N, C-alpha and C. Protein backbone atom coordinates (compact mmCIF):
# COMPACT_ATOMS: atom_id res chain seq x y z
N UNK A 1 98.04 -81.03 -34.15
CA UNK A 1 98.68 -79.94 -34.59
C UNK A 1 98.97 -78.42 -33.31
N UNK A 2 97.72 -78.67 -32.88
CA UNK A 2 97.29 -77.41 -31.80
C UNK A 2 98.87 -77.97 -30.51
N UNK A 3 98.30 -79.34 -30.15
CA UNK A 3 99.00 -79.71 -29.01
C UNK A 3 100.86 -80.17 -29.63
N UNK A 4 100.98 -80.19 -30.95
CA UNK A 4 101.97 -80.27 -31.24
C UNK A 4 102.86 -79.02 -31.12
N UNK A 5 102.27 -78.03 -31.49
CA UNK A 5 102.59 -76.69 -31.60
C UNK A 5 103.34 -76.06 -30.17
N UNK A 6 102.09 -76.42 -29.06
CA UNK A 6 102.27 -76.60 -27.57
C UNK A 6 103.76 -77.20 -27.33
N UNK A 7 103.54 -78.35 -27.30
CA UNK A 7 104.66 -79.32 -26.82
C UNK A 7 106.02 -79.08 -27.51
N UNK A 8 106.25 -77.87 -29.02
CA UNK A 8 107.25 -77.83 -29.11
C UNK A 8 107.87 -75.97 -28.52
N UNK A 9 106.67 -75.01 -28.35
CA UNK A 9 107.05 -74.44 -27.52
C UNK A 9 107.29 -74.65 -26.01
N UNK A 10 106.61 -75.50 -25.46
CA UNK A 10 107.10 -76.14 -24.17
C UNK A 10 108.32 -76.58 -24.12
N UNK A 11 108.88 -77.46 -24.90
CA UNK A 11 110.18 -78.11 -25.26
C UNK A 11 111.48 -76.57 -25.46
N UNK A 12 111.02 -75.94 -25.97
CA UNK A 12 111.91 -74.79 -26.19
C UNK A 12 112.15 -73.82 -24.91
N UNK A 13 111.07 -74.01 -24.25
CA UNK A 13 111.33 -73.39 -23.19
C UNK A 13 111.92 -74.00 -21.78
N UNK A 14 111.91 -75.40 -22.12
CA UNK A 14 112.40 -76.31 -21.25
C UNK A 14 114.24 -75.83 -21.27
N UNK A 15 114.47 -75.91 -22.63
CA UNK A 15 115.73 -75.68 -23.32
C UNK A 15 116.36 -74.33 -22.92
N UNK A 16 115.52 -73.24 -22.77
CA UNK A 16 115.74 -72.07 -22.37
C UNK A 16 116.07 -71.92 -21.06
N UNK A 17 115.53 -72.42 -20.22
CA UNK A 17 115.54 -72.44 -18.72
C UNK A 17 117.05 -73.78 -18.46
N UNK A 18 117.21 -74.55 -19.45
CA UNK A 18 118.22 -75.46 -18.79
C UNK A 18 119.73 -74.31 -19.23
N UNK A 19 119.03 -73.81 -20.14
CA UNK A 19 120.58 -72.74 -20.91
C UNK A 19 120.46 -71.68 -19.62
N UNK A 20 119.73 -71.43 -19.10
CA UNK A 20 119.74 -70.16 -18.09
C UNK A 20 120.12 -70.70 -16.60
N UNK A 21 119.96 -72.26 -16.38
CA UNK A 21 120.40 -72.51 -15.03
C UNK A 21 121.78 -73.14 -15.11
N UNK A 22 121.89 -73.47 -16.54
CA UNK A 22 123.43 -74.13 -16.06
C UNK A 22 124.48 -72.83 -16.07
N UNK A 23 124.02 -71.34 -16.75
CA UNK A 23 125.35 -70.66 -16.30
C UNK A 23 125.27 -70.57 -15.05
N UNK A 24 124.62 -70.17 -14.17
CA UNK A 24 124.59 -70.20 -12.85
C UNK A 24 125.24 -71.62 -11.64
N UNK A 25 124.77 -72.05 -12.34
CA UNK A 25 125.35 -73.64 -11.75
C UNK A 25 126.78 -73.74 -12.10
N UNK A 26 127.13 -73.28 -13.24
CA UNK A 26 128.78 -73.41 -13.84
C UNK A 26 129.25 -71.79 -12.51
N UNK A 27 128.98 -70.87 -12.99
CA UNK A 27 129.49 -70.04 -11.89
C UNK A 27 129.32 -69.94 -10.21
N UNK A 28 128.71 -70.98 -9.64
CA UNK A 28 128.53 -71.65 -8.55
C UNK A 28 129.65 -72.88 -8.22
N UNK A 29 129.87 -73.11 -9.28
CA UNK A 29 131.27 -74.70 -9.21
C UNK A 29 132.50 -74.00 -9.41
N UNK A 30 132.50 -72.78 -10.00
CA UNK A 30 133.53 -71.54 -9.91
C UNK A 30 133.76 -71.08 -8.86
N UNK A 31 132.89 -70.76 -7.95
CA UNK A 31 132.82 -70.02 -7.21
C UNK A 31 133.18 -70.90 -5.63
N UNK A 32 132.95 -72.38 -5.65
CA UNK A 32 133.01 -73.22 -4.80
C UNK A 32 134.84 -73.40 -4.92
N UNK A 33 135.28 -73.67 -5.90
CA UNK A 33 136.78 -73.90 -6.49
C UNK A 33 137.52 -72.79 -5.77
N UNK A 34 136.64 -71.55 -5.75
CA UNK A 34 137.70 -70.44 -5.60
C UNK A 34 137.90 -70.85 -3.82
N UNK A 35 136.28 -70.92 -3.18
CA UNK A 35 136.34 -71.10 -1.86
C UNK A 35 136.74 -72.14 -0.90
N UNK A 36 137.42 -73.13 -1.99
CA UNK A 36 138.08 -74.18 -1.48
C UNK A 36 139.34 -73.92 -1.54
N UNK A 37 139.95 -73.25 -2.55
CA UNK A 37 141.39 -72.59 -2.94
C UNK A 37 141.94 -71.95 -1.81
N UNK A 38 140.55 -70.73 -1.13
CA UNK A 38 140.81 -70.04 0.23
C UNK A 38 140.94 -70.59 0.99
N UNK A 39 140.03 -71.85 1.17
CA UNK A 39 140.24 -72.57 2.76
C UNK A 39 141.67 -73.07 2.94
N UNK A 40 141.93 -74.07 1.61
CA UNK A 40 142.79 -74.44 1.79
C UNK A 40 144.29 -73.48 1.94
N UNK A 41 144.78 -72.60 1.58
CA UNK A 41 145.37 -71.46 1.76
C UNK A 41 145.21 -71.39 3.65
N UNK A 42 144.28 -70.81 4.13
CA UNK A 42 144.16 -70.79 5.34
C UNK A 42 144.04 -72.02 6.18
N UNK A 43 144.05 -73.05 6.00
CA UNK A 43 144.18 -73.72 6.97
C UNK A 43 145.45 -75.01 6.84
N UNK A 44 145.71 -74.78 5.39
CA UNK A 44 146.98 -75.29 5.19
C UNK A 44 146.68 -77.20 4.57
N UNK A 45 145.21 -77.21 4.82
CA UNK A 45 144.63 -78.57 4.01
C UNK A 45 144.06 -78.41 2.99
N UNK A 46 143.83 -79.50 2.43
CA UNK A 46 142.78 -79.51 1.17
C UNK A 46 141.62 -79.54 1.91
N UNK A 47 140.82 -79.17 1.45
CA UNK A 47 139.33 -78.90 1.94
C UNK A 47 138.30 -78.86 0.44
N UNK A 48 137.90 -80.49 0.01
CA UNK A 48 136.97 -80.41 -1.61
C UNK A 48 135.82 -80.43 -0.61
N UNK A 49 134.63 -79.75 -1.65
CA UNK A 49 133.18 -80.19 -1.87
C UNK A 49 132.81 -80.90 -3.13
N UNK A 50 132.15 -82.05 -3.08
CA UNK A 50 132.15 -82.44 -4.66
C UNK A 50 130.76 -82.89 -4.60
N UNK A 51 130.04 -82.52 -5.43
CA UNK A 51 128.63 -83.08 -5.74
C UNK A 51 128.43 -84.54 -6.14
N UNK A 52 127.52 -85.25 -5.77
CA UNK A 52 127.58 -86.65 -5.82
C UNK A 52 126.64 -86.72 -7.39
N UNK A 53 125.89 -87.90 -7.76
CA UNK A 53 125.37 -87.80 -9.34
C UNK A 53 123.88 -87.33 -8.44
N UNK A 54 123.71 -88.11 -7.27
CA UNK A 54 122.30 -87.80 -6.73
C UNK A 54 121.81 -86.06 -6.29
N UNK A 55 122.87 -85.48 -6.15
CA UNK A 55 122.52 -84.10 -5.77
C UNK A 55 123.19 -84.03 -4.72
N UNK A 56 123.38 -84.98 -3.70
CA UNK A 56 123.92 -84.49 -2.23
C UNK A 56 125.42 -83.90 -2.51
N UNK A 57 126.18 -83.62 -1.35
CA UNK A 57 127.49 -83.38 -1.57
C UNK A 57 128.00 -84.14 -0.04
N UNK A 58 129.39 -84.06 -0.47
CA UNK A 58 130.31 -84.81 0.14
C UNK A 58 131.30 -83.99 0.50
N UNK A 59 131.98 -83.46 2.15
CA UNK A 59 132.97 -83.13 2.07
C UNK A 59 133.72 -84.36 3.05
N UNK A 60 135.24 -83.59 2.34
CA UNK A 60 136.40 -84.26 2.53
C UNK A 60 137.34 -83.51 2.79
N UNK A 61 138.23 -84.15 3.53
CA UNK A 61 139.69 -83.19 4.61
C UNK A 61 140.68 -84.17 3.89
N UNK A 62 141.87 -83.57 3.32
CA UNK A 62 142.76 -84.40 3.11
C UNK A 62 144.07 -83.64 3.84
N UNK A 63 145.01 -84.23 4.14
CA UNK A 63 146.18 -82.97 4.98
C UNK A 63 147.22 -82.62 3.64
N UNK A 64 147.18 -81.78 3.34
CA UNK A 64 148.15 -81.20 2.28
C UNK A 64 149.50 -81.11 2.52
N UNK A 65 150.65 -81.58 1.72
CA UNK A 65 151.81 -81.59 2.33
C UNK A 65 152.41 -80.36 1.98
N UNK A 66 153.35 -79.64 2.32
CA UNK A 66 154.12 -78.47 2.14
C UNK A 66 154.33 -77.79 0.41
N UNK A 67 154.51 -79.14 -0.50
CA UNK A 67 155.10 -78.59 -1.43
C UNK A 67 153.76 -78.53 -2.31
N UNK A 68 152.89 -79.18 -1.74
CA UNK A 68 151.21 -79.09 -2.71
C UNK A 68 150.65 -77.92 -2.34
N UNK A 69 151.05 -77.49 -1.52
CA UNK A 69 150.20 -76.15 -0.66
C UNK A 69 151.08 -75.06 -1.88
N UNK A 70 152.46 -74.93 -1.68
CA UNK A 70 153.28 -73.93 -2.70
C UNK A 70 153.06 -74.02 -4.01
N UNK A 71 152.67 -75.23 -4.46
CA UNK A 71 152.16 -75.18 -5.95
C UNK A 71 150.74 -74.42 -6.04
N UNK A 72 150.01 -74.62 -5.27
CA UNK A 72 149.00 -74.17 -4.98
C UNK A 72 149.02 -72.64 -5.00
N UNK A 73 149.58 -72.50 -4.37
CA UNK A 73 150.21 -70.29 -4.44
C UNK A 73 150.54 -69.72 -5.30
N UNK A 74 151.38 -70.67 -6.05
CA UNK A 74 152.11 -70.28 -7.20
C UNK A 74 150.90 -70.11 -8.37
N UNK A 75 150.36 -71.02 -8.38
CA UNK A 75 148.94 -71.19 -9.14
C UNK A 75 147.91 -70.19 -9.32
N UNK A 76 147.80 -69.60 -7.59
CA UNK A 76 147.12 -68.65 -7.57
C UNK A 76 147.61 -66.99 -7.12
N UNK A 77 148.49 -66.86 -7.76
CA UNK A 77 148.88 -65.46 -7.76
C UNK A 77 148.07 -65.18 -8.30
N UNK A 78 147.82 -63.66 -7.95
CA UNK A 78 147.08 -62.72 -8.71
C UNK A 78 145.13 -63.00 -8.53
N UNK A 79 145.10 -63.57 -7.86
CA UNK A 79 143.77 -64.37 -7.49
C UNK A 79 143.43 -63.69 -6.15
N UNK A 80 142.04 -63.46 -5.99
CA UNK A 80 141.73 -62.92 -4.70
C UNK A 80 142.70 -63.49 -3.30
N UNK A 81 142.47 -62.08 -2.49
CA UNK A 81 143.08 -62.34 -1.17
C UNK A 81 142.11 -62.99 -0.43
N UNK A 82 142.54 -63.49 0.52
CA UNK A 82 141.72 -64.67 1.85
C UNK A 82 140.47 -63.70 2.12
N UNK A 83 139.42 -64.31 2.10
CA UNK A 83 138.50 -63.21 3.00
C UNK A 83 137.17 -62.82 1.58
N UNK A 84 138.05 -62.58 0.20
CA UNK A 84 137.28 -62.00 -0.80
C UNK A 84 136.38 -62.88 -1.30
N UNK A 85 135.22 -62.32 -1.64
CA UNK A 85 134.30 -63.43 -1.96
C UNK A 85 133.52 -62.18 -3.00
N UNK A 86 132.96 -62.42 -4.54
CA UNK A 86 132.34 -62.26 -5.55
C UNK A 86 131.42 -62.66 -5.47
N UNK A 87 130.23 -61.87 -5.03
CA UNK A 87 128.95 -62.96 -5.20
C UNK A 87 128.29 -61.92 -6.47
N UNK A 88 127.51 -62.77 -7.09
CA UNK A 88 126.54 -61.93 -8.24
C UNK A 88 124.90 -62.20 -7.89
N UNK A 89 124.78 -61.82 -6.54
CA UNK A 89 123.54 -62.43 -6.52
C UNK A 89 122.49 -61.06 -6.77
N UNK A 90 122.59 -60.51 -7.09
CA UNK A 90 121.68 -59.67 -8.19
C UNK A 90 121.48 -60.54 -9.48
N UNK A 91 122.15 -60.77 -10.02
CA UNK A 91 122.05 -61.30 -11.32
C UNK A 91 121.49 -62.65 -11.43
N UNK A 92 121.65 -63.35 -10.27
CA UNK A 92 120.85 -64.79 -9.97
C UNK A 92 119.50 -64.68 -9.81
N UNK A 93 119.28 -63.36 -8.82
CA UNK A 93 117.92 -62.88 -8.84
C UNK A 93 117.23 -62.62 -9.65
N UNK A 94 117.73 -61.78 -10.40
CA UNK A 94 117.14 -61.19 -11.94
C UNK A 94 116.60 -62.57 -12.80
N UNK A 95 117.20 -63.57 -12.58
CA UNK A 95 117.74 -64.86 -13.41
C UNK A 95 115.94 -65.40 -13.30
N UNK A 96 116.01 -65.67 -11.89
CA UNK A 96 114.77 -66.06 -11.02
C UNK A 96 113.64 -65.28 -11.09
N UNK A 97 113.52 -64.06 -11.46
CA UNK A 97 112.39 -62.80 -11.49
C UNK A 97 111.85 -63.52 -12.88
N UNK A 98 113.16 -63.59 -13.74
CA UNK A 98 112.36 -63.48 -15.11
C UNK A 98 111.98 -64.88 -15.27
N UNK A 99 112.84 -65.88 -14.74
CA UNK A 99 112.00 -67.30 -14.78
C UNK A 99 110.57 -67.47 -14.26
N UNK A 100 110.38 -66.45 -13.53
CA UNK A 100 109.06 -66.58 -12.70
C UNK A 100 108.05 -65.60 -13.56
N UNK A 101 108.52 -64.75 -14.41
CA UNK A 101 107.71 -63.90 -15.32
C UNK A 101 107.45 -64.73 -16.31
N UNK A 102 108.45 -65.32 -16.74
CA UNK A 102 108.39 -66.33 -18.22
C UNK A 102 106.95 -67.42 -18.02
N UNK A 103 107.46 -68.43 -16.32
CA UNK A 103 106.39 -69.51 -16.23
C UNK A 103 105.05 -68.23 -16.18
N UNK A 104 104.82 -67.37 -15.99
CA UNK A 104 103.74 -66.45 -15.56
C UNK A 104 103.19 -66.10 -16.77
N UNK A 105 104.14 -66.04 -17.69
CA UNK A 105 103.30 -65.75 -18.95
C UNK A 105 102.78 -66.54 -19.64
N UNK A 106 103.58 -67.73 -19.62
CA UNK A 106 103.01 -69.38 -20.60
C UNK A 106 101.81 -69.48 -19.88
N UNK A 107 101.62 -69.81 -18.23
CA UNK A 107 100.78 -70.08 -18.47
C UNK A 107 99.22 -69.09 -18.16
N UNK A 108 99.70 -67.98 -18.44
CA UNK A 108 98.40 -66.75 -18.71
C UNK A 108 98.08 -67.33 -20.23
N UNK A 109 99.32 -67.57 -20.93
CA UNK A 109 98.69 -67.50 -22.59
C UNK A 109 98.10 -68.86 -22.82
N UNK A 110 98.59 -70.01 -21.98
CA UNK A 110 98.42 -71.46 -22.48
C UNK A 110 97.00 -71.90 -21.09
N UNK A 111 96.57 -71.10 -20.63
CA UNK A 111 95.89 -71.68 -19.39
C UNK A 111 94.34 -72.03 -19.80
N UNK A 112 93.84 -71.52 -20.97
CA UNK A 112 92.73 -72.00 -21.51
C UNK A 112 93.10 -73.42 -22.25
N UNK A 113 94.26 -73.34 -23.31
CA UNK A 113 94.55 -74.63 -23.57
C UNK A 113 94.48 -75.73 -22.74
N UNK A 114 95.55 -75.36 -21.58
CA UNK A 114 96.00 -76.70 -20.69
C UNK A 114 94.45 -77.30 -19.89
N UNK A 115 93.80 -75.81 -19.16
CA UNK A 115 92.20 -76.62 -18.77
C UNK A 115 91.30 -77.26 -19.77
N UNK A 116 91.56 -77.20 -20.99
CA UNK A 116 90.31 -77.90 -21.88
C UNK A 116 91.13 -79.09 -22.03
N UNK A 117 92.44 -79.48 -22.17
CA UNK A 117 93.00 -80.78 -22.29
C UNK A 117 93.07 -81.37 -21.00
N UNK A 118 92.89 -80.86 -20.17
CA UNK A 118 92.72 -81.75 -18.54
C UNK A 118 91.19 -82.04 -18.64
N UNK A 119 90.45 -81.08 -18.94
CA UNK A 119 89.03 -81.68 -19.07
C UNK A 119 88.83 -82.54 -19.84
N UNK A 120 89.09 -82.87 -20.86
CA UNK A 120 89.21 -84.20 -22.23
C UNK A 120 89.92 -85.40 -21.41
N UNK A 121 90.99 -84.96 -20.84
CA UNK A 121 91.16 -86.39 -20.27
C UNK A 121 90.79 -86.94 -19.26
N UNK A 122 90.14 -85.98 -18.33
CA UNK A 122 89.12 -86.18 -17.23
C UNK A 122 87.73 -86.89 -17.62
N UNK A 123 87.19 -86.45 -19.01
CA UNK A 123 86.41 -86.67 -19.61
C UNK A 123 86.24 -88.55 -20.02
N UNK A 124 87.76 -88.95 -20.66
CA UNK A 124 87.98 -89.99 -21.34
C UNK A 124 88.31 -91.15 -20.30
N UNK A 125 88.35 -90.51 -19.13
CA UNK A 125 88.09 -91.93 -18.08
C UNK A 125 87.33 -93.05 -18.41
N UNK A 126 87.93 -94.21 -18.50
CA UNK A 126 86.70 -95.29 -18.29
C UNK A 126 85.58 -95.27 -17.22
N UNK A 127 84.73 -95.49 -18.03
CA UNK A 127 84.04 -95.73 -16.10
C UNK A 127 83.63 -96.73 -15.87
N UNK A 128 83.97 -97.66 -16.66
CA UNK A 128 84.00 -99.28 -15.99
C UNK A 128 82.68 -99.69 -16.71
N UNK A 129 82.75 -101.35 -15.88
CA UNK A 129 81.22 -101.84 -16.77
C UNK A 129 79.79 -101.20 -16.67
N UNK A 130 79.09 -101.79 -17.56
CA UNK A 130 77.85 -101.27 -17.20
C UNK A 130 77.31 -101.93 -16.29
N UNK A 131 76.02 -101.23 -15.53
CA UNK A 131 75.45 -102.21 -14.40
C UNK A 131 74.64 -103.42 -14.28
N UNK A 132 74.79 -104.38 -13.95
CA UNK A 132 74.51 -105.72 -14.18
C UNK A 132 73.20 -105.77 -15.11
N UNK A 133 71.88 -105.60 -14.44
CA UNK A 133 70.75 -105.19 -14.83
C UNK A 133 70.34 -104.81 -16.18
N UNK A 134 71.16 -103.89 -16.80
CA UNK A 134 71.42 -103.24 -18.18
C UNK A 134 72.07 -103.88 -18.89
N UNK A 135 72.82 -104.97 -18.68
CA UNK A 135 73.60 -105.64 -19.37
C UNK A 135 73.11 -106.88 -19.53
N UNK A 136 71.90 -107.52 -18.62
CA UNK A 136 71.09 -108.32 -19.01
C UNK A 136 70.01 -108.06 -20.07
N UNK A 137 69.74 -106.94 -20.02
CA UNK A 137 68.75 -106.21 -20.60
C UNK A 137 69.27 -106.71 -22.15
N UNK A 138 70.32 -105.80 -22.22
CA UNK A 138 70.81 -106.08 -23.78
C UNK A 138 71.03 -107.63 -23.94
N UNK A 139 71.87 -108.17 -23.40
CA UNK A 139 71.79 -110.03 -23.74
C UNK A 139 70.44 -110.45 -23.56
N UNK A 140 69.56 -110.30 -23.33
CA UNK A 140 68.24 -110.79 -23.44
C UNK A 140 67.71 -110.24 -25.22
N UNK A 141 68.39 -109.10 -25.45
CA UNK A 141 67.58 -108.30 -26.80
C UNK A 141 68.26 -109.27 -27.54
N UNK A 142 69.75 -109.59 -27.61
CA UNK A 142 70.91 -109.96 -28.21
C UNK A 142 70.31 -111.41 -28.53
N UNK A 143 69.73 -112.55 -27.67
CA UNK A 143 69.83 -113.67 -27.84
C UNK A 143 68.23 -113.58 -28.52
N UNK A 144 67.41 -112.63 -28.81
CA UNK A 144 66.16 -112.75 -29.13
C UNK A 144 66.44 -112.58 -30.99
N UNK A 145 67.17 -111.53 -31.17
CA UNK A 145 67.78 -111.21 -32.42
C UNK A 145 69.11 -111.39 -32.95
N UNK A 146 69.53 -112.76 -32.30
CA UNK A 146 70.80 -113.29 -32.83
C UNK A 146 71.40 -113.12 -34.36
N UNK A 147 70.17 -114.14 -35.21
CA UNK A 147 70.68 -113.78 -36.26
C UNK A 147 70.86 -112.44 -37.37
N UNK A 148 70.24 -111.56 -36.70
CA UNK A 148 70.45 -110.29 -37.06
C UNK A 148 70.73 -109.21 -35.67
N UNK A 149 72.02 -109.42 -35.48
CA UNK A 149 71.90 -108.49 -33.98
C UNK A 149 71.98 -106.76 -34.31
N UNK A 150 71.49 -105.89 -35.18
CA UNK A 150 71.29 -104.64 -35.28
C UNK A 150 70.09 -104.04 -35.27
N UNK A 151 70.32 -103.48 -34.06
CA UNK A 151 68.72 -102.71 -33.21
C UNK A 151 68.56 -101.59 -33.97
N UNK A 152 67.42 -101.24 -34.28
CA UNK A 152 66.84 -99.89 -35.18
C UNK A 152 66.81 -99.00 -34.24
N UNK A 153 66.68 -97.83 -34.82
CA UNK A 153 66.72 -96.34 -33.75
C UNK A 153 65.82 -96.16 -32.78
N UNK A 154 64.53 -96.83 -32.79
CA UNK A 154 63.86 -96.64 -32.36
C UNK A 154 63.70 -97.83 -31.32
N UNK A 155 64.53 -99.21 -31.46
CA UNK A 155 64.69 -100.52 -30.66
C UNK A 155 66.18 -99.84 -29.58
N UNK A 156 66.59 -98.96 -30.27
CA UNK A 156 68.18 -98.41 -29.29
C UNK A 156 67.34 -97.31 -28.17
N UNK A 157 66.05 -96.56 -28.93
CA UNK A 157 65.73 -95.82 -28.07
C UNK A 157 64.77 -96.60 -26.66
N UNK A 158 64.44 -97.37 -26.89
CA UNK A 158 63.54 -98.01 -26.32
C UNK A 158 64.61 -99.02 -25.02
N UNK A 159 65.63 -99.16 -25.72
CA UNK A 159 66.58 -99.85 -24.79
C UNK A 159 66.95 -99.03 -24.09
N UNK A 160 67.59 -97.81 -24.14
CA UNK A 160 68.57 -96.57 -23.89
C UNK A 160 66.97 -96.23 -21.87
N UNK A 161 65.68 -96.49 -23.08
CA UNK A 161 64.93 -96.45 -21.64
C UNK A 161 64.44 -96.86 -20.65
N UNK A 162 64.76 -98.19 -20.96
CA UNK A 162 64.71 -99.83 -20.17
C UNK A 162 65.97 -99.77 -18.97
N UNK A 163 67.08 -99.28 -19.75
CA UNK A 163 68.61 -99.70 -19.15
C UNK A 163 69.01 -98.83 -18.38
N UNK A 164 68.30 -97.59 -18.86
CA UNK A 164 69.07 -96.37 -18.39
C UNK A 164 70.39 -95.71 -18.86
N UNK A 165 70.83 -96.32 -19.82
CA UNK A 165 71.78 -95.96 -20.20
C UNK A 165 72.13 -94.99 -21.57
N UNK A 166 73.01 -94.45 -21.73
CA UNK A 166 72.87 -93.69 -23.34
C UNK A 166 72.92 -94.55 -24.25
N UNK A 167 72.72 -93.70 -25.68
CA UNK A 167 72.49 -94.07 -26.83
C UNK A 167 73.60 -94.52 -26.87
N UNK A 168 74.89 -93.64 -26.97
CA UNK A 168 76.52 -94.18 -27.52
C UNK A 168 76.96 -95.59 -26.33
N UNK A 169 76.60 -95.48 -25.08
CA UNK A 169 76.74 -96.71 -24.32
C UNK A 169 76.35 -97.61 -25.13
N UNK A 170 74.93 -97.66 -25.67
CA UNK A 170 73.90 -99.17 -26.14
C UNK A 170 74.65 -99.43 -27.51
N UNK A 171 74.98 -98.27 -28.20
CA UNK A 171 76.28 -98.57 -29.93
C UNK A 171 77.23 -99.33 -29.05
N UNK A 172 77.88 -98.90 -28.57
CA UNK A 172 79.17 -99.34 -28.22
C UNK A 172 78.86 -100.93 -27.54
N UNK A 173 78.05 -100.99 -26.81
CA UNK A 173 78.01 -102.02 -26.53
C UNK A 173 77.91 -103.59 -27.59
N UNK A 174 76.83 -103.02 -28.72
CA UNK A 174 76.22 -103.85 -29.84
C UNK A 174 77.06 -103.89 -30.52
N UNK A 175 78.26 -103.18 -30.91
CA UNK A 175 79.66 -103.05 -31.81
C UNK A 175 80.83 -104.15 -30.84
N UNK A 176 80.66 -104.11 -29.54
CA UNK A 176 81.47 -105.08 -28.76
C UNK A 176 80.84 -106.27 -28.97
N UNK A 177 79.76 -106.40 -29.01
CA UNK A 177 79.16 -107.92 -28.77
C UNK A 177 79.64 -108.73 -29.87
N UNK A 178 79.29 -107.57 -31.08
CA UNK A 178 78.95 -108.36 -32.62
C UNK A 178 80.67 -108.58 -33.02
N UNK A 179 81.59 -107.78 -32.47
CA UNK A 179 82.77 -108.11 -32.44
C UNK A 179 83.31 -109.41 -31.95
N UNK A 180 82.94 -109.76 -30.93
CA UNK A 180 83.19 -110.61 -29.94
C UNK A 180 82.18 -112.22 -30.08
N UNK A 181 81.11 -112.01 -30.51
CA UNK A 181 80.50 -113.24 -30.78
C UNK A 181 79.52 -113.23 -32.15
N UNK A 182 79.61 -112.82 -32.79
CA UNK A 182 79.01 -112.67 -34.48
C UNK A 182 79.89 -113.05 -35.22
């Protein structure tokens, strides 16, 4: 339940990031179109920068006809003149600092929980096979008590001392052995 709540909060934060990042991206694309239009007016050619699906950009240049350029000029009457650029650096910087603050706040809030989860995941790694000698001693006990392979707590204790394994490892070995062979 706590993990579900954390994941919902995390998903909500990601959606918020997406909304916040899509606005500057759309503004940048609009700015790029303005710059392309200004370049085409200055050079009397069409200049396009298009983003590819992989995030790389492609520059292309095509000769524009006089008619195309005149059509673009008619569409752009009332737009900014050549050389005028409207940057909204303050707004984008505010978004960046706001994003950093949100990230820091989330990290402070969930730092303990995240470290606990990391610790649990680190503990749950498989330790591999049991040592060969310990496994052989358990098999010997199994073969002697094949008809009723349920060691008592004292027998488990002595097996733990002789093999050097934990009680839990011994219990699990017997459970798995009974599932496989009994």
